[in-house]
Amino acid sequence: MDYGFIALIAGFALILLGVWGILTQKNIIKIIIGFSVFDTGLHVVMVGLGFIKGRTAPIIGESVSAYNAVNTVVDPVPQALVLTAIVIGLGVTALMLAYAVKLQGHGKSLDISSYEDLKW
């Protein structure tokens, strides 16, 4: 079985697990954990889509010559997008945790159903 296919299956499983965690949990921290699992699943899917069997990392050196690099390395764009997405996901998770701490300090609860005033 191809590693890219395995990464796609694992990534979609993580996405489904994260969506389930976001939609079914009442605790804000568990919802944030669900978002992180969802975000990680997206990263794994992006890496799985960029994987090409038989090719190597896009580092030109002794093993990969500049002349033959097009035929021997994978596309570096998905890897760069995943690195950027990891940093953005970390920032969003930190912001959500800071908001959860503020909610805990204000409402003395992490249960999402106890914040009726935030619903529209």
PDB file of N, CA and C in Angstrom:
ATOM      1  N   MET A   1       0.840  -1.182   0.000  1.00  0.00           N
ATOM      2  CA  MET A   1       0.000   0.000   0.000  1.00  0.00           C
ATOM      3  C   MET A   1       0.884   1.244   0.000  1.00  0.00           C
ATOM      4  N   ASP A   2       0.476   2.230  -0.719  1.00  0.00           N
ATOM      5  CA  ASP A   2       1.245   3.458  -0.880  1.00  0.00           C
ATOM      6  C   ASP A   2       1.190   4.310   0.399  1.00  0.00           C
ATOM      7  N   TYR A   3       2.331   4.940   0.743  1.00  0.00           N
ATOM      8  CA  TYR A   3       2.371   5.778   1.945  1.00  0.00           C
ATOM      9  C   TYR A   3       1.458   7.001   1.806  1.00  0.00           C
ATOM     10  N   GLY A   4       1.347   7.532   0.616  1.00  0.00           N
ATOM     11  CA  GLY A   4       0.465   8.671   0.402  1.00  0.00           C
ATOM     12  C   GLY A   4      -0.982   8.318   0.660  1.00  0.00           C
ATOM     13  N   PHE A   5      -1.385   7.116   0.241  1.00  0.00           N
ATOM     14  CA  PHE A   5      -2.756   6.660   0.478  1.00  0.00           C
ATOM     15  C   PHE A   5      -3.011   6.448   1.968  1.00  0.00           C
ATOM     16  N   ILE A   6      -2.026   5.881   2.655  1.00  0.00           N
ATOM     17  CA  ILE A   6      -2.155   5.688   4.105  1.00  0.00           C
ATOM     18  C   ILE A   6      -2.272   7.039   4.813  1.00  0.00           C
ATOM     19  N   ALA A   7      -1.481   8.019   4.358  1.00  0.00           N
ATOM     20  CA  ALA A   7      -1.553   9.354   4.961  1.00  0.00           C
ATOM     21  C   ALA A   7      -2.919   9.983   4.706  1.00  0.00           C
ATOM     22  N   LEU A   8      -3.473   9.777   3.514  1.00  0.00           N
ATOM     23  CA  LEU A   8      -4.802  10.321   3.221  1.00  0.00           C
ATOM     24  C   LEU A   8      -5.862   9.701   4.124  1.00  0.00           C
ATOM     25  N   ILE A   9      -5.810   8.377   4.284  1.00  0.00           N
ATOM     26  CA  ILE A   9      -6.797   7.686   5.133  1.00  0.00           C
ATOM     27  C   ILE A   9      -6.673   8.160   6.578  1.00  0.00           C
ATOM     28  N   ALA A  10      -5.426   8.226   7.075  1.00  0.00           N
ATOM     29  CA  ALA A  10      -5.219   8.676   8.460  1.00  0.00           C
ATOM     30  C   ALA A  10      -5.651  10.129   8.633  1.00  0.00           C
ATOM     31  N   GLY A  11      -5.359  10.968   7.648  1.00  0.00           N
ATOM     32  CA  GLY A  11      -5.747  12.370   7.729  1.00  0.00           C
ATOM     33  C   GLY A  11      -7.242  12.553   7.748  1.00  0.00           C
ATOM     34  N   PHE A  12      -7.957  11.837   6.875  1.00  0.00           N
ATOM     35  CA  PHE A  12      -9.414  11.953   6.872  1.00  0.00           C
ATOM     36  C   PHE A  12     -10.011  11.392   8.161  1.00  0.00           C
ATOM     37  N   ALA A  13      -9.398  10.350   8.726  1.00  0.00           N
ATOM     38  CA  ALA A  13      -9.884   9.833  10.014  1.00  0.00           C
ATOM     39  C   ALA A  13      -9.701  10.876  11.113  1.00  0.00           C
ATOM     40  N   LEU A  14      -8.557  11.575  11.107  1.00  0.00           N
ATOM     41  CA  LEU A  14      -8.334  12.623  12.101  1.00  0.00           C
ATOM     42  C   LEU A  14      -9.307  13.785  11.907  1.00  0.00           C
ATOM     43  N   ILE A  15      -9.590  14.126  10.649  1.00  0.00           N
ATOM     44  CA  ILE A  15     -10.551  15.203  10.382  1.00  0.00           C
ATOM     45  C   ILE A  15     -11.922  14.839  10.932  1.00  0.00           C
ATOM     46  N   LEU A  16     -12.369  13.607  10.669  1.00  0.00           N
ATOM     47  CA  LEU A  16     -13.676  13.172  11.185  1.00  0.00           C
ATOM     48  C   LEU A  16     -13.697  13.143  12.702  1.00  0.00           C
ATOM     49  N   LEU A  17     -12.607  12.675  13.313  1.00  0.00           N
ATOM     50  CA  LEU A  17     -12.522  12.652  14.774  1.00  0.00           C
ATOM     51  C   LEU A  17     -12.568  14.065  15.344  1.00  0.00           C
ATOM     52  N   GLY A  18     -11.873  14.997  14.700  1.00  0.00           N
ATOM     53  CA  GLY A  18     -11.882  16.380  15.162  1.00  0.00           C
ATOM     54  C   GLY A  18     -13.245  17.028  15.023  1.00  0.00           C
ATOM     55  N   VAL A  19     -13.916  16.792  13.904  1.00  0.00           N
ATOM     56  CA  VAL A  19     -15.263  17.349  13.715  1.00  0.00           C
ATOM     57  C   VAL A  19     -16.225  16.771  14.752  1.00  0.00           C
ATOM     58  N   TRP A  20     -16.095  15.466  15.011  1.00  0.00           N
ATOM     59  CA  TRP A  20     -16.925  14.848  16.043  1.00  0.00           C
ATOM     60  C   TRP A  20     -16.664  15.511  17.395  1.00  0.00           C
ATOM     61  N   GLY A  21     -15.404  15.763  17.724  1.00  0.00           N
ATOM     62  CA  GLY A  21     -15.066  16.397  19.000  1.00  0.00           C
ATOM     63  C   GLY A  21     -15.604  17.813  19.095  1.00  0.00           C
ATOM     64  N   ILE A  22     -15.545  18.540  17.993  1.00  0.00           N
ATOM     65  CA  ILE A  22     -16.040  19.922  18.001  1.00  0.00           C
ATOM     66  C   ILE A  22     -17.556  19.952  18.176  1.00  0.00           C
ATOM     67  N   LEU A  23     -18.263  19.058  17.496  1.00  0.00           N
ATOM     68  CA  LEU A  23     -19.721  19.113  17.487  1.00  0.00           C
ATOM     69  C   LEU A  23     -20.385  18.454  18.690  1.00  0.00           C
ATOM     70  N   THR A  24     -19.733  17.516  19.340  1.00  0.00           N
ATOM     71  CA  THR A  24     -20.405  16.765  20.397  1.00  0.00           C
ATOM     72  C   THR A  24     -19.979  17.133  21.811  1.00  0.00           C
ATOM     73  N   GLN A  25     -18.853  17.784  21.978  1.00  0.00           N
ATOM     74  CA  GLN A  25     -18.367  18.062  23.327  1.00  0.00           C
ATOM     75  C   GLN A  25     -18.960  19.359  23.863  1.00  0.00           C
ATOM     76  N   LYS A  26     -19.184  19.415  25.159  1.00  0.00           N
ATOM     77  CA  LYS A  26     -19.711  20.608  25.814  1.00  0.00           C
ATOM     78  C   LYS A  26     -18.603  21.415  26.498  1.00  0.00           C
ATOM     79  N   ASN A  27     -17.503  20.760  26.860  1.00  0.00           N
ATOM     80  CA  ASN A  27     -16.391  21.440  27.515  1.00  0.00           C
ATOM     81  C   ASN A  27     -15.581  22.206  26.471  1.00  0.00           C
ATOM     82  N   ILE A  28     -15.271  23.453  26.763  1.00  0.00           N
ATOM     83  CA  ILE A  28     -14.568  24.303  25.803  1.00  0.00           C
ATOM     84  C   ILE A  28     -13.172  23.772  25.510  1.00  0.00           C
ATOM     85  N   ILE A  29     -12.481  23.255  26.502  1.00  0.00           N
ATOM     86  CA  ILE A  29     -11.139  22.714  26.290  1.00  0.00           C
ATOM     87  C   ILE A  29     -11.199  21.503  25.352  1.00  0.00           C
ATOM     88  N   LYS A  30     -12.215  20.657  25.516  1.00  0.00           N
ATOM     89  CA  LYS A  30     -12.361  19.499  24.632  1.00  0.00           C
ATOM     90  C   LYS A  30     -12.695  19.933  23.208  1.00  0.00           C
ATOM     91  N   ILE A  31     -13.440  21.013  23.074  1.00  0.00           N
ATOM     92  CA  ILE A  31     -13.734  21.551  21.745  1.00  0.00           C
ATOM     93  C   ILE A  31     -12.446  22.056  21.095  1.00  0.00           C
ATOM     94  N   ILE A  32     -11.607  22.710  21.872  1.00  0.00           N
ATOM     95  CA  ILE A  32     -10.320  23.201  21.340  1.00  0.00           C
ATOM     96  C   ILE A  32      -9.430  22.026  20.949  1.00  0.00           C
ATOM     97  N   ILE A  33      -9.437  20.965  21.744  1.00  0.00           N
ATOM     98  CA  ILE A  33      -8.666  19.767  21.391  1.00  0.00           C
ATOM     99  C   ILE A  33      -9.202  19.165  20.090  1.00  0.00           C
ATOM    100  N   GLY A  34     -10.523  19.151  19.933  1.00  0.00           N
ATOM    101  CA  GLY A  34     -11.116  18.673  18.682  1.00  0.00           C
ATOM    102  C   GLY A  34     -10.670  19.496  17.490  1.00  0.00           C
ATOM    103  N   PHE A  35     -10.586  20.822  17.674  1.00  0.00           N
ATOM    104  CA  PHE A  35     -10.099  21.677  16.602  1.00  0.00           C
ATOM    105  C   PHE A  35      -8.652  21.344  16.263  1.00  0.00           C
ATOM    106  N   SER A  36      -7.830  21.100  17.276  1.00  0.00           N
ATOM    107  CA  SER A  36      -6.422  20.770  17.027  1.00  0.00           C
ATOM    108  C   SER A  36      -6.290  19.448  16.277  1.00  0.00           C
ATOM    109  N   VAL A  37      -7.118  18.469  16.628  1.00  0.00           N
ATOM    110  CA  VAL A  37      -7.093  17.181  15.924  1.00  0.00           C
ATOM    111  C   VAL A  37      -7.547  17.381  14.473  1.00  0.00           C
ATOM    112  N   PHE A  38      -8.579  18.175  14.263  1.00  0.00           N
ATOM    113  CA  PHE A  38      -9.046  18.497  12.911  1.00  0.00           C
ATOM    114  C   PHE A  38      -7.943  19.171  12.105  1.00  0.00           C
ATOM    115  N   ASP A  39      -7.257  20.122  12.725  1.00  0.00           N
ATOM    116  CA  ASP A  39      -6.173  20.851  12.059  1.00  0.00           C
ATOM    117  C   ASP A  39      -5.025  19.904  11.692  1.00  0.00           C
ATOM    118  N   THR A  40      -4.683  19.006  12.587  1.00  0.00           N
ATOM    119  CA  THR A  40      -3.624  18.041  12.311  1.00  0.00           C
ATOM    120  C   THR A  40      -4.029  17.110  11.170  1.00  0.00           C
ATOM    121  N   GLY A  41      -5.291  16.712  11.125  1.00  0.00           N
ATOM    122  CA  GLY A  41      -5.773  15.878  10.026  1.00  0.00           C
ATOM    123  C   GLY A  41      -5.636  16.577   8.690  1.00  0.00           C
ATOM    124  N   LEU A  42      -5.941  17.881   8.657  1.00  0.00           N
ATOM    125  CA  LEU A  42      -5.755  18.635   7.410  1.00  0.00           C
ATOM    126  C   LEU A  42      -4.296  18.636   6.977  1.00  0.00           C
ATOM    127  N   HIS A  43      -3.387  18.774   7.935  1.00  0.00           N
ATOM    128  CA  HIS A  43      -1.961  18.772   7.602  1.00  0.00           C
ATOM    129  C   HIS A  43      -1.531  17.427   7.027  1.00  0.00           C
ATOM    130  N   VAL A  44      -2.007  16.355   7.627  1.00  0.00           N
ATOM    131  CA  VAL A  44      -1.643  15.019   7.154  1.00  0.00           C
ATOM    132  C   VAL A  44      -2.190  14.782   5.745  1.00  0.00           C
ATOM    133  N   VAL A  45      -3.415  15.253   5.483  1.00  0.00           N
ATOM    134  CA  VAL A  45      -3.983  15.114   4.131  1.00  0.00           C
ATOM    135  C   VAL A  45      -3.151  15.895   3.116  1.00  0.00           C
ATOM    136  N   MET A  46      -2.738  17.098   3.469  1.00  0.00           N
ATOM    137  CA  MET A  46      -1.926  17.901   2.547  1.00  0.00           C
ATOM    138  C   MET A  46      -0.581  17.234   2.263  1.00  0.00           C
ATOM    139  N   VAL A  47       0.039  16.648   3.282  1.00  0.00           N
ATOM    140  CA  VAL A  47       1.301  15.931   3.068  1.00  0.00           C
ATOM    141  C   VAL A  47       1.060  14.698   2.210  1.00  0.00           C
ATOM    142  N   GLY A  48      -0.044  14.005   2.456  1.00  0.00           N
ATOM    143  CA  GLY A  48      -0.365  12.818   1.666  1.00  0.00           C
ATOM    144  C   GLY A  48      -0.624  13.152   0.206  1.00  0.00           C
ATOM    145  N   LEU A  49      -1.237  14.298  -0.053  1.00  0.00           N
ATOM    146  CA  LEU A  49      -1.472  14.699  -1.437  1.00  0.00           C
ATOM    147  C   LEU A  49      -0.174  15.084  -2.142  1.00  0.00           C
ATOM    148  N   GLY A  50       0.783  15.610  -1.390  1.00  0.00           N
ATOM    149  CA  GLY A  50       2.055  16.020  -1.999  1.00  0.00           C
ATOM    150  C   GLY A  50       3.053  14.895  -2.148  1.00  0.00           C
ATOM    151  N   PHE A  51       2.756  13.729  -1.569  1.00  0.00           N
ATOM    152  CA  PHE A  51       3.693  12.606  -1.632  1.00  0.00           C
ATOM    153  C   PHE A  51       3.693  11.977  -3.022  1.00  0.00           C
ATOM    154  N   ILE A  52       4.877  11.746  -3.553  1.00  0.00           N
ATOM    155  CA  ILE A  52       5.040  11.043  -4.825  1.00  0.00           C
ATOM    156  C   ILE A  52       6.019   9.899  -4.582  1.00  0.00           C
ATOM    157  N   LYS A  53       5.578   8.673  -4.869  1.00  0.00           N
ATOM    158  CA  LYS A  53       6.382   7.482  -4.597  1.00  0.00           C
ATOM    159  C   LYS A  53       7.660   7.492  -5.418  1.00  0.00           C
ATOM    160  N   GLY A  54       8.765   7.161  -4.770  1.00  0.00           N
ATOM    161  CA  GLY A  54      10.045   7.058  -5.444  1.00  0.00           C
ATOM    162  C   GLY A  54      10.826   8.354  -5.535  1.00  0.00           C
ATOM    163  N   ARG A  55      10.276   9.431  -5.010  1.00  0.00           N
ATOM    164  CA  ARG A  55      10.990  10.711  -5.058  1.00  0.00           C
ATOM    165  C   ARG A  55      11.495  11.063  -3.669  1.00  0.00           C
ATOM    166  N   THR A  56      12.372  12.039  -3.590  1.00  0.00           N
ATOM    167  CA  THR A  56      13.026  12.387  -2.338  1.00  0.00           C
ATOM    168  C   THR A  56      12.676  13.818  -1.931  1.00  0.00           C
ATOM    169  N   ALA A  57      13.187  14.221  -0.782  1.00  0.00           N
ATOM    170  CA  ALA A  57      12.923  15.572  -0.277  1.00  0.00           C
ATOM    171  C   ALA A  57      13.555  16.603  -1.212  1.00  0.00           C
ATOM    172  N   PRO A  58      12.943  17.779  -1.302  1.00  0.00           N
ATOM    173  CA  PRO A  58      13.472  18.790  -2.237  1.00  0.00           C
ATOM    174  C   PRO A  58      14.701  19.512  -1.708  1.00  0.00           C
ATOM    175  N   ILE A  59      15.772  18.760  -1.476  1.00  0.00           N
ATOM    176  CA  ILE A  59      17.036  19.329  -1.018  1.00  0.00           C
ATOM    177  C   ILE A  59      18.097  18.968  -2.055  1.00  0.00           C
ATOM    178  N   ILE A  60      18.606  19.954  -2.721  1.00  0.00           N
ATOM    179  CA  ILE A  60      19.606  19.714  -3.762  1.00  0.00           C
ATOM    180  C   ILE A  60      20.976  19.633  -3.096  1.00  0.00           C
ATOM    181  N   GLY A  61      21.644  18.483  -3.261  1.00  0.00           N
ATOM    182  CA  GLY A  61      22.944  18.256  -2.637  1.00  0.00           C
ATOM    183  C   GLY A  61      23.697  17.219  -3.427  1.00  0.00           C
ATOM    184  N   GLU A  62      24.423  16.354  -2.689  1.00  0.00           N
ATOM    185  CA  GLU A  62      25.208  15.318  -3.344  1.00  0.00           C
ATOM    186  C   GLU A  62      24.325  14.230  -3.943  1.00  0.00           C
ATOM    187  N   SER A  63      23.225  13.899  -3.285  1.00  0.00           N
ATOM    188  CA  SER A  63      22.369  12.821  -3.777  1.00  0.00           C
ATOM    189  C   SER A  63      21.450  13.266  -4.901  1.00  0.00           C
ATOM    190  N   VAL A  64      21.135  14.558  -4.969  1.00  0.00           N
ATOM    191  CA  VAL A  64      20.252  15.086  -6.006  1.00  0.00           C
ATOM    192  C   VAL A  64      20.993  16.223  -6.717  1.00  0.00           C
ATOM    193  N   SER A  65      21.208  16.032  -8.002  1.00  0.00           N
ATOM    194  CA  SER A  65      21.880  17.093  -8.753  1.00  0.00           C
ATOM    195  C   SER A  65      20.866  18.129  -9.215  1.00  0.00           C
ATOM    196  N   ALA A  66      21.319  19.328  -9.434  1.00  0.00           N
ATOM    197  CA  ALA A  66      20.431  20.398  -9.891  1.00  0.00           C
ATOM    198  C   ALA A  66      19.885  20.094 -11.281  1.00  0.00           C
ATOM    199  N   TYR A  67      20.644  19.381 -12.093  1.00  0.00           N
ATOM    200  CA  TYR A  67      20.216  19.061 -13.454  1.00  0.00           C
ATOM    201  C   TYR A  67      19.030  18.097 -13.440  1.00  0.00           C
ATOM    202  N   ASN A  68      19.040  17.122 -12.524  1.00  0.00           N
ATOM    203  CA  ASN A  68      18.022  16.081 -12.487  1.00  0.00           C
ATOM    204  C   ASN A  68      16.985  16.300 -11.373  1.00  0.00           C
ATOM    205  N   ALA A  69      16.968  17.472 -10.778  1.00  0.00           N
ATOM    206  CA  ALA A  69      16.107  17.710  -9.614  1.00  0.00           C
ATOM    207  C   ALA A  69      14.625  17.633  -9.952  1.00  0.00           C
ATOM    208  N   VAL A  70      14.238  18.033 -11.145  1.00  0.00           N
ATOM    209  CA  VAL A  70      12.822  18.038 -11.509  1.00  0.00           C
ATOM    210  C   VAL A  70      12.237  16.633 -11.498  1.00  0.00           C
ATOM    211  N   ASN A  71      13.037  15.646 -11.859  1.00  0.00           N
ATOM    212  CA  ASN A  71      12.551  14.274 -11.955  1.00  0.00           C
ATOM    213  C   ASN A  71      12.765  13.455 -10.687  1.00  0.00           C
ATOM    214  N   THR A  72      13.480  13.983  -9.687  1.00  0.00           N
ATOM    215  CA  THR A  72      13.811  13.161  -8.517  1.00  0.00           C
ATOM    216  C   THR A  72      13.277  13.703  -7.198  1.00  0.00           C
ATOM    217  N   VAL A  73      12.783  14.925  -7.150  1.00  0.00           N
ATOM    218  CA  VAL A  73      12.294  15.470  -5.877  1.00  0.00           C
ATOM    219  C   VAL A  73      10.787  15.695  -5.952  1.00  0.00           C
ATOM    220  N   VAL A  74      10.167  15.745  -4.780  1.00  0.00           N
ATOM    221  CA  VAL A  74       8.733  16.036  -4.710  1.00  0.00           C
ATOM    222  C   VAL A  74       8.535  17.546  -4.779  1.00  0.00           C
ATOM    223  N   ASP A  75       7.287  17.938  -5.012  1.00  0.00           N
ATOM    224  CA  ASP A  75       6.954  19.356  -5.079  1.00  0.00           C
ATOM    225  C   ASP A  75       7.052  19.956  -3.673  1.00  0.00           C
ATOM    226  N   PRO A  76       7.835  20.992  -3.457  1.00  0.00           N
ATOM    227  CA  PRO A  76       7.983  21.561  -2.109  1.00  0.00           C
ATOM    228  C   PRO A  76       6.838  22.462  -1.681  1.00  0.00           C
ATOM    229  N   VAL A  77       5.926  22.796  -2.578  1.00  0.00           N
ATOM    230  CA  VAL A  77       4.842  23.725  -2.235  1.00  0.00           C
ATOM    231  C   VAL A  77       3.909  23.153  -1.161  1.00  0.00           C
ATOM    232  N   PRO A  78       3.434  21.891  -1.258  1.00  0.00           N
ATOM    233  CA  PRO A  78       2.581  21.373  -0.175  1.00  0.00           C
ATOM    234  C   PRO A  78       3.291  21.340   1.172  1.00  0.00           C
ATOM    235  N   GLN A  79       4.579  21.031   1.181  1.00  0.00           N
ATOM    236  CA  GLN A  79       5.314  21.010   2.443  1.00  0.00           C
ATOM    237  C   GLN A  79       5.423  22.411   3.038  1.00  0.00           C
ATOM    238  N   ALA A  80       5.652  23.406   2.187  1.00  0.00           N
ATOM    239  CA  ALA A  80       5.712  24.785   2.673  1.00  0.00           C
ATOM    240  C   ALA A  80       4.352  25.245   3.188  1.00  0.00           C
ATOM    241  N   LEU A  81       3.282  24.840   2.497  1.00  0.00           N
ATOM    242  CA  LEU A  81       1.936  25.195   2.962  1.00  0.00           C
ATOM    243  C   LEU A  81       1.631  24.547   4.304  1.00  0.00           C
ATOM    244  N   VAL A  82       2.070  23.300   4.489  1.00  0.00           N
ATOM    245  CA  VAL A  82       1.824  22.616   5.767  1.00  0.00           C
ATOM    246  C   VAL A  82       2.590  23.305   6.885  1.00  0.00           C
ATOM    247  N   LEU A  83       3.827  23.698   6.632  1.00  0.00           N
ATOM    248  CA  LEU A  83       4.585  24.404   7.674  1.00  0.00           C
ATOM    249  C   LEU A  83       3.898  25.718   8.049  1.00  0.00           C
ATOM    250  N   THR A  84       3.414  26.437   7.064  1.00  0.00           N
ATOM    251  CA  THR A  84       2.689  27.679   7.334  1.00  0.00           C
ATOM    252  C   THR A  84       1.401  27.401   8.091  1.00  0.00           C
ATOM    253  N   ALA A  85       0.689  26.340   7.690  1.00  0.00           N
ATOM    254  CA  ALA A  85      -0.569  26.001   8.351  1.00  0.00           C
ATOM    255  C   ALA A  85      -0.346  25.560   9.790  1.00  0.00           C
ATOM    256  N   ILE A  86       0.767  24.906  10.067  1.00  0.00           N
ATOM    257  CA  ILE A  86       1.075  24.507  11.451  1.00  0.00           C
ATOM    258  C   ILE A  86       1.236  25.742  12.323  1.00  0.00           C
ATOM    259  N   VAL A  87       1.948  26.738  11.826  1.00  0.00           N
ATOM    260  CA  VAL A  87       2.161  27.969  12.597  1.00  0.00           C
ATOM    261  C   VAL A  87       0.834  28.703  12.807  1.00  0.00           C
ATOM    262  N   ILE A  88       0.023  28.791  11.758  1.00  0.00           N
ATOM    263  CA  ILE A  88      -1.277  29.462  11.888  1.00  0.00           C
ATOM    264  C   ILE A  88      -2.178  28.690  12.854  1.00  0.00           C
ATOM    265  N   GLY A  89      -2.195  27.362  12.759  1.00  0.00           N
ATOM    266  CA  GLY A  89      -2.994  26.541  13.668  1.00  0.00           C
ATOM    267  C   GLY A  89      -2.557  26.703  15.115  1.00  0.00           C
ATOM    268  N   LEU A  90      -1.261  26.822  15.330  1.00  0.00           N
ATOM    269  CA  LEU A  90      -0.755  27.043  16.689  1.00  0.00           C
ATOM    270  C   LEU A  90      -1.237  28.388  17.218  1.00  0.00           C
ATOM    271  N   GLY A  91      -1.197  29.405  16.383  1.00  0.00           N
ATOM    272  CA  GLY A  91      -1.665  30.721  16.813  1.00  0.00           C
ATOM    273  C   GLY A  91      -3.153  30.733  17.122  1.00  0.00           C
ATOM    274  N   VAL A  92      -3.940  30.076  16.282  1.00  0.00           N
ATOM    275  CA  VAL A  92      -5.390  30.030  16.499  1.00  0.00           C
ATOM    276  C   VAL A  92      -5.702  29.238  17.762  1.00  0.00           C
ATOM    277  N   THR A  93      -4.995  28.141  17.995  1.00  0.00           N
ATOM    278  CA  THR A  93      -5.206  27.355  19.211  1.00  0.00           C
ATOM    279  C   THR A  93      -4.847  28.155  20.456  1.00  0.00           C
ATOM    280  N   ALA A  94      -3.749  28.896  20.389  1.00  0.00           N
ATOM    281  CA  ALA A  94      -3.363  29.737  21.533  1.00  0.00           C
ATOM    282  C   ALA A  94      -4.413  30.807  21.786  1.00  0.00           C
ATOM    283  N   LEU A  95      -4.968  31.390  20.725  1.00  0.00           N
ATOM    284  CA  LEU A  95      -6.017  32.399  20.892  1.00  0.00           C
ATOM    285  C   LEU A  95      -7.272  31.789  21.513  1.00  0.00           C
ATOM    286  N   MET A  96      -7.656  30.586  21.059  1.00  0.00           N
ATOM    287  CA  MET A  96      -8.829  29.924  21.630  1.00  0.00           C
ATOM    288  C   MET A  96      -8.600  29.573  23.099  1.00  0.00           C
ATOM    289  N   LEU A  97      -7.400  29.134  23.461  1.00  0.00           N
ATOM    290  CA  LEU A  97      -7.112  28.822  24.863  1.00  0.00           C
ATOM    291  C   LEU A  97      -7.139  30.083  25.722  1.00  0.00           C
ATOM    292  N   ALA A  98      -6.640  31.184  25.190  1.00  0.00           N
ATOM    293  CA  ALA A  98      -6.692  32.446  25.941  1.00  0.00           C
ATOM    294  C   ALA A  98      -8.150  32.869  26.150  1.00  0.00           C
ATOM    295  N   TYR A  99      -8.983  32.695  25.127  1.00  0.00           N
ATOM    296  CA  TYR A  99     -10.401  33.020  25.260  1.00  0.00           C
ATOM    297  C   TYR A  99     -11.077  32.101  26.277  1.00  0.00           C
ATOM    298  N   ALA A 100     -10.689  30.827  26.294  1.00  0.00           N
ATOM    299  CA  ALA A 100     -11.253  29.886  27.272  1.00  0.00           C
ATOM    300  C   ALA A 100     -10.866  30.276  28.687  1.00  0.00           C
ATOM    301  N   VAL A 101      -9.654  30.736  28.868  1.00  0.00           N
ATOM    302  CA  VAL A 101      -9.227  31.189  30.201  1.00  0.00           C
ATOM    303  C   VAL A 101     -10.035  32.410  30.628  1.00  0.00           C
ATOM    304  N   LYS A 102     -10.277  33.339  29.691  1.00  0.00           N
ATOM    305  CA  LYS A 102     -11.094  34.519  30.010  1.00  0.00           C
ATOM    306  C   LYS A 102     -12.534  34.109  30.345  1.00  0.00           C
ATOM    307  N   LEU A 103     -13.085  33.160  29.600  1.00  0.00           N
ATOM    308  CA  LEU A 103     -14.433  32.680  29.904  1.00  0.00           C
ATOM    309  C   LEU A 103     -14.481  32.014  31.271  1.00  0.00           C
ATOM    310  N   GLN A 104     -13.471  31.240  31.600  1.00  0.00           N
ATOM    311  CA  GLN A 104     -13.410  30.581  32.908  1.00  0.00           C
ATOM    312  C   GLN A 104     -13.336  31.624  34.021  1.00  0.00           C
ATOM    313  N   GLY A 105     -12.573  32.662  33.808  1.00  0.00           N
ATOM    314  CA  GLY A 105     -12.469  33.714  34.823  1.00  0.00           C
ATOM    315  C   GLY A 105     -13.746  34.524  34.956  1.00  0.00           C
ATOM    316  N   HIS A 106     -14.460  34.713  33.866  1.00  0.00           N
ATOM    317  CA  HIS A 106     -15.679  35.524  33.890  1.00  0.00           C
ATOM    318  C   HIS A 106     -16.896  34.719  34.358  1.00  0.00           C
ATOM    319  N   GLY A 107     -17.088  33.544  33.764  1.00  0.00           N
ATOM    320  CA  GLY A 107     -18.296  32.773  34.055  1.00  0.00           C
ATOM    321  C   GLY A 107     -18.092  31.621  35.010  1.00  0.00           C
ATOM    322  N   LYS A 108     -16.860  31.361  35.452  1.00  0.00           N
ATOM    323  CA  LYS A 108     -16.533  30.286  36.396  1.00  0.00           C
ATOM    324  C   LYS A 108     -16.951  28.906  35.893  1.00  0.00           C
ATOM    325  N   SER A 109     -16.982  28.720  34.567  1.00  0.00           N
ATOM    326  CA  SER A 109     -17.356  27.424  34.016  1.00  0.00           C
ATOM    327  C   SER A 109     -16.740  27.266  32.627  1.00  0.00           C
ATOM    328  N   LEU A 110     -16.420  26.046  32.275  1.00  0.00           N
ATOM    329  CA  LEU A 110     -15.949  25.741  30.923  1.00  0.00           C
ATOM    330  C   LEU A 110     -17.011  25.011  30.110  1.00  0.00           C
ATOM    331  N   ASP A 111     -18.213  24.868  30.671  1.00  0.00           N
ATOM    332  CA  ASP A 111     -19.312  24.230  29.951  1.00  0.00           C
ATOM    333  C   ASP A 111     -19.928  25.237  28.985  1.00  0.00           C
ATOM    334  N   ILE A 112     -19.971  24.901  27.701  1.00  0.00           N
ATOM    335  CA  ILE A 112     -20.439  25.839  26.683  1.00  0.00           C
ATOM    336  C   ILE A 112     -21.921  26.159  26.837  1.00  0.00           C
ATOM    337  N   SER A 113     -22.692  25.254  27.422  1.00  0.00           N
ATOM    338  CA  SER A 113     -24.130  25.500  27.565  1.00  0.00           C
ATOM    339  C   SER A 113     -24.450  26.502  28.673  1.00  0.00           C
ATOM    340  N   SER A 114     -23.462  26.843  29.505  1.00  0.00           N
ATOM    341  CA  SER A 114     -23.719  27.804  30.579  1.00  0.00           C
ATOM    342  C   SER A 114     -23.523  29.246  30.120  1.00  0.00           C
ATOM    343  N   TYR A 115     -23.158  29.438  28.871  1.00  0.00           N
ATOM    344  CA  TYR A 115     -22.964  30.797  28.348  1.00  0.00           C
ATOM    345  C   TYR A 115     -24.093  31.129  27.378  1.00  0.00           C
ATOM    346  N   GLU A 116     -25.250  31.385  27.914  1.00  0.00           N
ATOM    347  CA  GLU A 116     -26.421  31.705  27.101  1.00  0.00           C
ATOM    348  C   GLU A 116     -26.327  33.114  26.516  1.00  0.00           C
ATOM    349  N   ASP A 117     -25.611  34.012  27.181  1.00  0.00           N
ATOM    350  CA  ASP A 117     -25.553  35.388  26.700  1.00  0.00           C
ATOM    351  C   ASP A 117     -24.716  35.544  25.441  1.00  0.00           C
ATOM    352  N   LEU A 118     -23.908  34.538  25.081  1.00  0.00           N
ATOM    353  CA  LEU A 118     -23.084  34.628  23.884  1.00  0.00           C
ATOM    354  C   LEU A 118     -23.801  34.134  22.637  1.00  0.00           C
ATOM    355  N   LYS A 119     -24.996  33.547  22.792  1.00  0.00           N
ATOM    356  CA  LYS A 119     -25.727  33.042  21.639  1.00  0.00           C
ATOM    357  C   LYS A 119     -26.553  34.155  21.016  1.00  0.00           C
ATOM    358  N   TRP A 120     -26.727  34.115  19.704  1.00  0.00           N
ATOM    359  CA  TRP A 120     -27.546  35.124  19.054  1.00  0.00           C
ATOM    360  C   TRP A 120     -28.813  34.517  18.548  1.00  0.00           C
TER     361      TRP A 120
END
